[in-house]
């Protein structure tokens, strides 16, 4: 399954996709608060049929980390 991760993140965070890249973090995405973070990971789990572990969630520092976790799970993201 392939999908544009940045589009999903931009939609949840109500940001422009052009303002988000692999190096973006919760600190650099203005609308990323704890609630939107929960919504984002729920959306990703549903969309990609994966379940993030607590350890994974606690170690996500930037968008690239999300891509790496999904890649390990065999999910292709653009």
PDB file of N, CA and C in Angstrom:
ATOM      1  N   UNK A   1       0.849  -1.176   0.000  1.00  0.00           N
ATOM      2  CA  UNK A   1       0.000   0.000   0.000  1.00  0.00           C
ATOM      3  C   UNK A   1       0.890   1.233   0.000  1.00  0.00           C
ATOM      4  N   UNK A   2       0.585   2.158  -0.833  1.00  0.00           N
ATOM      5  CA  UNK A   2       1.349   3.390  -0.911  1.00  0.00           C
ATOM      6  C   UNK A   2       0.413   4.574  -0.716  1.00  0.00           C
ATOM      7  N   UNK A   3       0.858   5.525   0.061  1.00  0.00           N
ATOM      8  CA  UNK A   3       0.063   6.724   0.275  1.00  0.00           C
ATOM      9  C   UNK A   3       1.005   7.846   0.667  1.00  0.00           C
ATOM     10  N   UNK A   4       0.537   9.064   0.519  1.00  0.00           N
ATOM     11  CA  UNK A   4       1.372  10.195   0.848  1.00  0.00           C
ATOM     12  C   UNK A   4       1.208  10.549   2.319  1.00  0.00           C
ATOM     13  N   UNK A   5       2.185  10.183   3.098  1.00  0.00           N
ATOM     14  CA  UNK A   5       2.178  10.419   4.532  1.00  0.00           C
ATOM     15  C   UNK A   5       2.054  11.896   4.854  1.00  0.00           C
ATOM     16  N   UNK A   6       2.755  12.725   4.089  1.00  0.00           N
ATOM     17  CA  UNK A   6       2.722  14.159   4.370  1.00  0.00           C
ATOM     18  C   UNK A   6       1.329  14.745   4.178  1.00  0.00           C
ATOM     19  N   UNK A   7       0.568  14.217   3.224  1.00  0.00           N
ATOM     20  CA  UNK A   7      -0.814  14.670   3.044  1.00  0.00           C
ATOM     21  C   UNK A   7      -1.658  14.338   4.275  1.00  0.00           C
ATOM     22  N   UNK A   8      -1.466  13.156   4.823  1.00  0.00           N
ATOM     23  CA  UNK A   8      -2.215  12.739   6.009  1.00  0.00           C
ATOM     24  C   UNK A   8      -1.858  13.638   7.181  1.00  0.00           C
ATOM     25  N   UNK A   9      -0.563  13.863   7.369  1.00  0.00           N
ATOM     26  CA  UNK A   9      -0.124  14.713   8.474  1.00  0.00           C
ATOM     27  C   UNK A   9      -0.662  16.128   8.312  1.00  0.00           C
ATOM     28  N   UNK A  10      -0.554  16.680   7.108  1.00  0.00           N
ATOM     29  CA  UNK A  10      -1.043  18.031   6.862  1.00  0.00           C
ATOM     30  C   UNK A  10      -2.535  18.133   7.131  1.00  0.00           C
ATOM     31  N   UNK A  11      -3.283  17.119   6.736  1.00  0.00           N
ATOM     32  CA  UNK A  11      -4.728  17.125   6.963  1.00  0.00           C
ATOM     33  C   UNK A  11      -5.051  17.122   8.460  1.00  0.00           C
ATOM     34  N   UNK A  12      -4.423  16.250   9.213  1.00  0.00           N
ATOM     35  CA  UNK A  12      -4.687  16.164  10.655  1.00  0.00           C
ATOM     36  C   UNK A  12      -4.250  17.444  11.368  1.00  0.00           C
ATOM     37  N   UNK A  13      -3.110  17.979  10.965  1.00  0.00           N
ATOM     38  CA  UNK A  13      -2.563  19.154  11.643  1.00  0.00           C
ATOM     39  C   UNK A  13      -3.139  20.466  11.113  1.00  0.00           C
ATOM     40  N   UNK A  14      -3.954  20.369  10.049  1.00  0.00           N
ATOM     41  CA  UNK A  14      -4.524  21.550   9.399  1.00  0.00           C
ATOM     42  C   UNK A  14      -3.422  22.529   9.002  1.00  0.00           C
ATOM     43  N   UNK A  15      -2.425  21.980   8.336  1.00  0.00           N
ATOM     44  CA  UNK A  15      -1.283  22.745   7.835  1.00  0.00           C
ATOM     45  C   UNK A  15      -1.161  22.531   6.332  1.00  0.00           C
ATOM     46  N   UNK A  16      -0.383  23.368   5.685  1.00  0.00           N
ATOM     47  CA  UNK A  16      -0.092  23.176   4.269  1.00  0.00           C
ATOM     48  C   UNK A  16       0.942  22.063   4.128  1.00  0.00           C
ATOM     49  N   UNK A  17       0.722  21.164   3.174  1.00  0.00           N
ATOM     50  CA  UNK A  17       1.657  20.054   2.980  1.00  0.00           C
ATOM     51  C   UNK A  17       3.046  20.575   2.618  1.00  0.00           C
ATOM     52  N   UNK A  18       3.112  21.727   1.980  1.00  0.00           N
ATOM     53  CA  UNK A  18       4.413  22.303   1.603  1.00  0.00           C
ATOM     54  C   UNK A  18       5.209  22.778   2.813  1.00  0.00           C
ATOM     55  N   UNK A  19       4.552  22.889   3.964  1.00  0.00           N
ATOM     56  CA  UNK A  19       5.232  23.310   5.188  1.00  0.00           C
ATOM     57  C   UNK A  19       5.759  22.132   6.004  1.00  0.00           C
ATOM     58  N   UNK A  20       5.577  20.915   5.491  1.00  0.00           N
ATOM     59  CA  UNK A  20       5.958  19.703   6.230  1.00  0.00           C
ATOM     60  C   UNK A  20       6.925  18.883   5.385  1.00  0.00           C
ATOM     61  N   UNK A  21       7.988  18.404   6.024  1.00  0.00           N
ATOM     62  CA  UNK A  21       8.931  17.518   5.338  1.00  0.00           C
ATOM     63  C   UNK A  21       9.476  16.492   6.333  1.00  0.00           C
ATOM     64  N   UNK A  22      10.418  15.684   5.889  1.00  0.00           N
ATOM     65  CA  UNK A  22      10.960  14.603   6.728  1.00  0.00           C
ATOM     66  C   UNK A  22      11.582  15.108   8.024  1.00  0.00           C
ATOM     67  N   UNK A  23      12.057  16.322   8.031  1.00  0.00           N
ATOM     68  CA  UNK A  23      12.723  16.866   9.209  1.00  0.00           C
ATOM     69  C   UNK A  23      11.774  17.625  10.129  1.00  0.00           C
ATOM     70  N   UNK A  24      10.512  17.735   9.756  1.00  0.00           N
ATOM     71  CA  UNK A  24       9.531  18.426  10.594  1.00  0.00           C
ATOM     72  C   UNK A  24       9.330  17.675  11.902  1.00  0.00           C
ATOM     73  N   UNK A  25       9.072  18.438  12.957  1.00  0.00           N
ATOM     74  CA  UNK A  25       8.882  17.883  14.294  1.00  0.00           C
ATOM     75  C   UNK A  25       7.621  18.485  14.909  1.00  0.00           C
ATOM     76  N   UNK A  26       7.178  17.942  16.029  1.00  0.00           N
ATOM     77  CA  UNK A  26       6.038  18.574  16.710  1.00  0.00           C
ATOM     78  C   UNK A  26       6.318  20.034  17.075  1.00  0.00           C
ATOM     79  N   UNK A  27       7.573  20.375  17.254  1.00  0.00           N
ATOM     80  CA  UNK A  27       7.929  21.751  17.581  1.00  0.00           C
ATOM     81  C   UNK A  27       7.875  22.677  16.365  1.00  0.00           C
ATOM     82  N   UNK A  28       8.072  22.139  15.166  1.00  0.00           N
ATOM     83  CA  UNK A  28       8.080  22.984  13.970  1.00  0.00           C
ATOM     84  C   UNK A  28       6.737  23.013  13.249  1.00  0.00           C
ATOM     85  N   UNK A  29       5.822  22.122  13.618  1.00  0.00           N
ATOM     86  CA  UNK A  29       4.479  22.131  13.044  1.00  0.00           C
ATOM     87  C   UNK A  29       3.572  22.828  14.051  1.00  0.00           C
ATOM     88  N   UNK A  30       3.159  24.033  13.708  1.00  0.00           N
ATOM     89  CA  UNK A  30       2.473  24.918  14.648  1.00  0.00           C
ATOM     90  C   UNK A  30       1.283  24.280  15.357  1.00  0.00           C
ATOM     91  N   UNK A  31       0.451  23.555  14.643  1.00  0.00           N
ATOM     92  CA  UNK A  31      -0.778  23.004  15.228  1.00  0.00           C
ATOM     93  C   UNK A  31      -0.601  21.643  15.903  1.00  0.00           C
ATOM     94  N   UNK A  32       0.612  21.106  15.942  1.00  0.00           N
ATOM     95  CA  UNK A  32       0.834  19.780  16.527  1.00  0.00           C
ATOM     96  C   UNK A  32       0.842  19.906  18.038  1.00  0.00           C
ATOM     97  N   UNK A  33      -0.259  19.521  18.649  1.00  0.00           N
ATOM     98  CA  UNK A  33      -0.332  19.455  20.105  1.00  0.00           C
ATOM     99  C   UNK A  33      -0.575  17.997  20.490  1.00  0.00           C
ATOM    100  N   UNK A  34      -0.712  17.737  21.767  1.00  0.00           N
ATOM    101  CA  UNK A  34      -0.843  16.346  22.206  1.00  0.00           C
ATOM    102  C   UNK A  34      -2.103  15.690  21.643  1.00  0.00           C
ATOM    103  N   UNK A  35      -3.198  16.429  21.565  1.00  0.00           N
ATOM    104  CA  UNK A  35      -4.427  15.852  21.029  1.00  0.00           C
ATOM    105  C   UNK A  35      -4.274  15.504  19.550  1.00  0.00           C
ATOM    106  N   UNK A  36      -3.759  16.439  18.768  1.00  0.00           N
ATOM    107  CA  UNK A  36      -3.577  16.163  17.332  1.00  0.00           C
ATOM    108  C   UNK A  36      -2.568  15.039  17.105  1.00  0.00           C
ATOM    109  N   UNK A  37      -1.596  14.916  17.995  1.00  0.00           N
ATOM    110  CA  UNK A  37      -0.653  13.799  17.887  1.00  0.00           C
ATOM    111  C   UNK A  37      -1.373  12.473  18.043  1.00  0.00           C
ATOM    112  N   UNK A  38      -2.272  12.391  19.020  1.00  0.00           N
ATOM    113  CA  UNK A  38      -3.066  11.166  19.198  1.00  0.00           C
ATOM    114  C   UNK A  38      -3.944  10.889  17.986  1.00  0.00           C
ATOM    115  N   UNK A  39      -4.570  11.926  17.470  1.00  0.00           N
ATOM    116  CA  UNK A  39      -5.419  11.781  16.279  1.00  0.00           C
ATOM    117  C   UNK A  39      -4.582  11.300  15.099  1.00  0.00           C
ATOM    118  N   UNK A  40      -3.395  11.868  14.941  1.00  0.00           N
ATOM    119  CA  UNK A  40      -2.517  11.479  13.834  1.00  0.00           C
ATOM    120  C   UNK A  40      -2.173   9.999  13.906  1.00  0.00           C
ATOM    121  N   UNK A  41      -1.740   9.534  15.064  1.00  0.00           N
ATOM    122  CA  UNK A  41      -1.327   8.133  15.150  1.00  0.00           C
ATOM    123  C   UNK A  41      -2.507   7.178  15.022  1.00  0.00           C
ATOM    124  N   UNK A  42      -3.668   7.578  15.478  1.00  0.00           N
ATOM    125  CA  UNK A  42      -4.878   6.774  15.261  1.00  0.00           C
ATOM    126  C   UNK A  42      -5.196   6.703  13.767  1.00  0.00           C
ATOM    127  N   UNK A  43      -5.077   7.825  13.093  1.00  0.00           N
ATOM    128  CA  UNK A  43      -5.322   7.882  11.644  1.00  0.00           C
ATOM    129  C   UNK A  43      -4.335   6.993  10.892  1.00  0.00           C
ATOM    130  N   UNK A  44      -3.072   7.063  11.267  1.00  0.00           N
ATOM    131  CA  UNK A  44      -2.051   6.247  10.601  1.00  0.00           C
ATOM    132  C   UNK A  44      -2.270   4.763  10.865  1.00  0.00           C
ATOM    133  N   UNK A  45      -2.621   4.412  12.097  1.00  0.00           N
ATOM    134  CA  UNK A  45      -2.885   3.005  12.420  1.00  0.00           C
ATOM    135  C   UNK A  45      -4.065   2.480  11.605  1.00  0.00           C
ATOM    136  N   UNK A  46      -5.080   3.282  11.459  1.00  0.00           N
ATOM    137  CA  UNK A  46      -6.253   2.871  10.685  1.00  0.00           C
ATOM    138  C   UNK A  46      -5.926   2.783   9.203  1.00  0.00           C
ATOM    139  N   UNK A  47      -5.287   3.814   8.671  1.00  0.00           N
ATOM    140  CA  UNK A  47      -4.979   3.877   7.235  1.00  0.00           C
ATOM    141  C   UNK A  47      -4.048   2.744   6.807  1.00  0.00           C
ATOM    142  N   UNK A  48      -3.017   2.493   7.602  1.00  0.00           N
ATOM    143  CA  UNK A  48      -1.989   1.533   7.203  1.00  0.00           C
ATOM    144  C   UNK A  48      -2.108   0.179   7.891  1.00  0.00           C
ATOM    145  N   UNK A  49      -3.147   0.015   8.707  1.00  0.00           N
ATOM    146  CA  UNK A  49      -3.402  -1.253   9.390  1.00  0.00           C
ATOM    147  C   UNK A  49      -2.182  -1.730  10.176  1.00  0.00           C
ATOM    148  N   UNK A  50      -1.632  -0.810  10.985  1.00  0.00           N
ATOM    149  CA  UNK A  50      -0.506  -1.119  11.860  1.00  0.00           C
ATOM    150  C   UNK A  50      -0.883  -0.685  13.269  1.00  0.00           C
ATOM    151  N   UNK A  51      -0.099  -1.093  14.222  1.00  0.00           N
ATOM    152  CA  UNK A  51      -0.279  -0.673  15.607  1.00  0.00           C
ATOM    153  C   UNK A  51       1.087  -0.221  16.113  1.00  0.00           C
ATOM    154  N   UNK A  52       1.190   1.039  16.498  1.00  0.00           N
ATOM    155  CA  UNK A  52       2.439   1.556  17.041  1.00  0.00           C
ATOM    156  C   UNK A  52       2.591   1.094  18.485  1.00  0.00           C
ATOM    157  N   UNK A  53       3.810   0.738  18.853  1.00  0.00           N
ATOM    158  CA  UNK A  53       4.073   0.398  20.249  1.00  0.00           C
ATOM    159  C   UNK A  53       4.335   1.691  21.018  1.00  0.00           C
ATOM    160  N   UNK A  54       4.205   1.632  22.327  1.00  0.00           N
ATOM    161  CA  UNK A  54       4.498   2.789  23.164  1.00  0.00           C
ATOM    162  C   UNK A  54       5.945   3.220  22.968  1.00  0.00           C
ATOM    163  N   UNK A  55       6.839   2.252  22.893  1.00  0.00           N
ATOM    164  CA  UNK A  55       8.258   2.545  22.681  1.00  0.00           C
ATOM    165  C   UNK A  55       8.458   3.327  21.378  1.00  0.00           C
ATOM    166  N   UNK A  56       7.800   2.901  20.303  1.00  0.00           N
ATOM    167  CA  UNK A  56       7.914   3.604  19.024  1.00  0.00           C
ATOM    168  C   UNK A  56       7.397   5.034  19.147  1.00  0.00           C
ATOM    169  N   UNK A  57       6.226   5.183  19.744  1.00  0.00           N
ATOM    170  CA  UNK A  57       5.631   6.514  19.877  1.00  0.00           C
ATOM    171  C   UNK A  57       6.529   7.455  20.674  1.00  0.00           C
ATOM    172  N   UNK A  58       7.131   6.946  21.720  1.00  0.00           N
ATOM    173  CA  UNK A  58       7.987   7.785  22.557  1.00  0.00           C
ATOM    174  C   UNK A  58       9.296   8.161  21.869  1.00  0.00           C
ATOM    175  N   UNK A  59       9.686   7.396  20.862  1.00  0.00           N
ATOM    176  CA  UNK A  59      10.947   7.662  20.174  1.00  0.00           C
ATOM    177  C   UNK A  59      10.788   8.406  18.861  1.00  0.00           C
ATOM    178  N   UNK A  60       9.585   8.784  18.512  1.00  0.00           N
ATOM    179  CA  UNK A  60       9.371   9.561  17.290  1.00  0.00           C
ATOM    180  C   UNK A  60       9.719  11.014  17.585  1.00  0.00           C
ATOM    181  N   UNK A  61      10.708  11.507  16.888  1.00  0.00           N
ATOM    182  CA  UNK A  61      11.155  12.892  17.068  1.00  0.00           C
ATOM    183  C   UNK A  61      10.856  13.756  15.844  1.00  0.00           C
ATOM    184  N   UNK A  62      10.748  13.122  14.663  1.00  0.00           N
ATOM    185  CA  UNK A  62      10.482  13.855  13.432  1.00  0.00           C
ATOM    186  C   UNK A  62       9.743  12.952  12.453  1.00  0.00           C
ATOM    187  N   UNK A  63       9.255  13.524  11.392  1.00  0.00           N
ATOM    188  CA  UNK A  63       8.459  12.790  10.412  1.00  0.00           C
ATOM    189  C   UNK A  63       9.235  11.605   9.838  1.00  0.00           C
ATOM    190  N   UNK A  64      10.524  11.771   9.632  1.00  0.00           N
ATOM    191  CA  UNK A  64      11.348  10.677   9.102  1.00  0.00           C
ATOM    192  C   UNK A  64      11.271   9.433   9.986  1.00  0.00           C
ATOM    193  N   UNK A  65      11.147   9.630  11.302  1.00  0.00           N
ATOM    194  CA  UNK A  65      11.029   8.495  12.222  1.00  0.00           C
ATOM    195  C   UNK A  65       9.740   7.712  11.965  1.00  0.00           C
ATOM    196  N   UNK A  66       8.659   8.415  11.665  1.00  0.00           N
ATOM    197  CA  UNK A  66       7.388   7.748  11.340  1.00  0.00           C
ATOM    198  C   UNK A  66       7.565   6.929  10.064  1.00  0.00           C
ATOM    199  N   UNK A  67       8.201   7.522   9.057  1.00  0.00           N
ATOM    200  CA  UNK A  67       8.448   6.812   7.797  1.00  0.00           C
ATOM    201  C   UNK A  67       9.266   5.549   8.029  1.00  0.00           C
ATOM    202  N   UNK A  68      10.280   5.644   8.880  1.00  0.00           N
ATOM    203  CA  UNK A  68      11.133   4.486   9.157  1.00  0.00           C
ATOM    204  C   UNK A  68      10.348   3.360   9.821  1.00  0.00           C
ATOM    205  N   UNK A  69       9.501   3.698  10.783  1.00  0.00           N
ATOM    206  CA  UNK A  69       8.689   2.678  11.454  1.00  0.00           C
ATOM    207  C   UNK A  69       7.758   2.012  10.458  1.00  0.00           C
ATOM    208  N   UNK A  70       7.093   2.818   9.634  1.00  0.00           N
ATOM    209  CA  UNK A  70       6.173   2.247   8.644  1.00  0.00           C
ATOM    210  C   UNK A  70       6.922   1.381   7.638  1.00  0.00           C
ATOM    211  N   UNK A  71       8.111   1.804   7.248  1.00  0.00           N
ATOM    212  CA  UNK A  71       8.919   1.027   6.293  1.00  0.00           C
ATOM    213  C   UNK A  71       9.271  -0.343   6.859  1.00  0.00           C
ATOM    214  N   UNK A  72       9.678  -0.383   8.132  1.00  0.00           N
ATOM    215  CA  UNK A  72       9.993  -1.658   8.790  1.00  0.00           C
ATOM    216  C   UNK A  72       8.780  -2.582   8.770  1.00  0.00           C
ATOM    217  N   UNK A  73       7.605  -1.996   8.847  1.00  0.00           N
ATOM    218  CA  UNK A  73       6.361  -2.778   8.836  1.00  0.00           C
ATOM    219  C   UNK A  73       5.903  -3.138   7.415  1.00  0.00           C
ATOM    220  N   UNK A  74       6.693  -2.726   6.405  1.00  0.00           N
ATOM    221  CA  UNK A  74       6.352  -3.059   5.033  1.00  0.00           C
ATOM    222  C   UNK A  74       5.388  -2.107   4.368  1.00  0.00           C
ATOM    223  N   UNK A  75       5.187  -0.940   4.990  1.00  0.00           N
ATOM    224  CA  UNK A  75       4.282   0.062   4.423  1.00  0.00           C
ATOM    225  C   UNK A  75       5.100   1.043   3.612  1.00  0.00           C
ATOM    226  N   UNK A  76       4.744   1.207   2.336  1.00  0.00           N
ATOM    227  CA  UNK A  76       5.424   2.167   1.476  1.00  0.00           C
ATOM    228  C   UNK A  76       4.697   3.491   1.552  1.00  0.00           C
ATOM    229  N   UNK A  77       5.432   4.546   1.880  1.00  0.00           N
ATOM    230  CA  UNK A  77       4.852   5.880   1.923  1.00  0.00           C
ATOM    231  C   UNK A  77       5.649   6.804   1.034  1.00  0.00           C
ATOM    232  N   UNK A  78       4.955   7.753   0.464  1.00  0.00           N
ATOM    233  CA  UNK A  78       5.610   8.746  -0.397  1.00  0.00           C
ATOM    234  C   UNK A  78       6.007   9.947   0.427  1.00  0.00           C
TER     235      UNK A  78
END
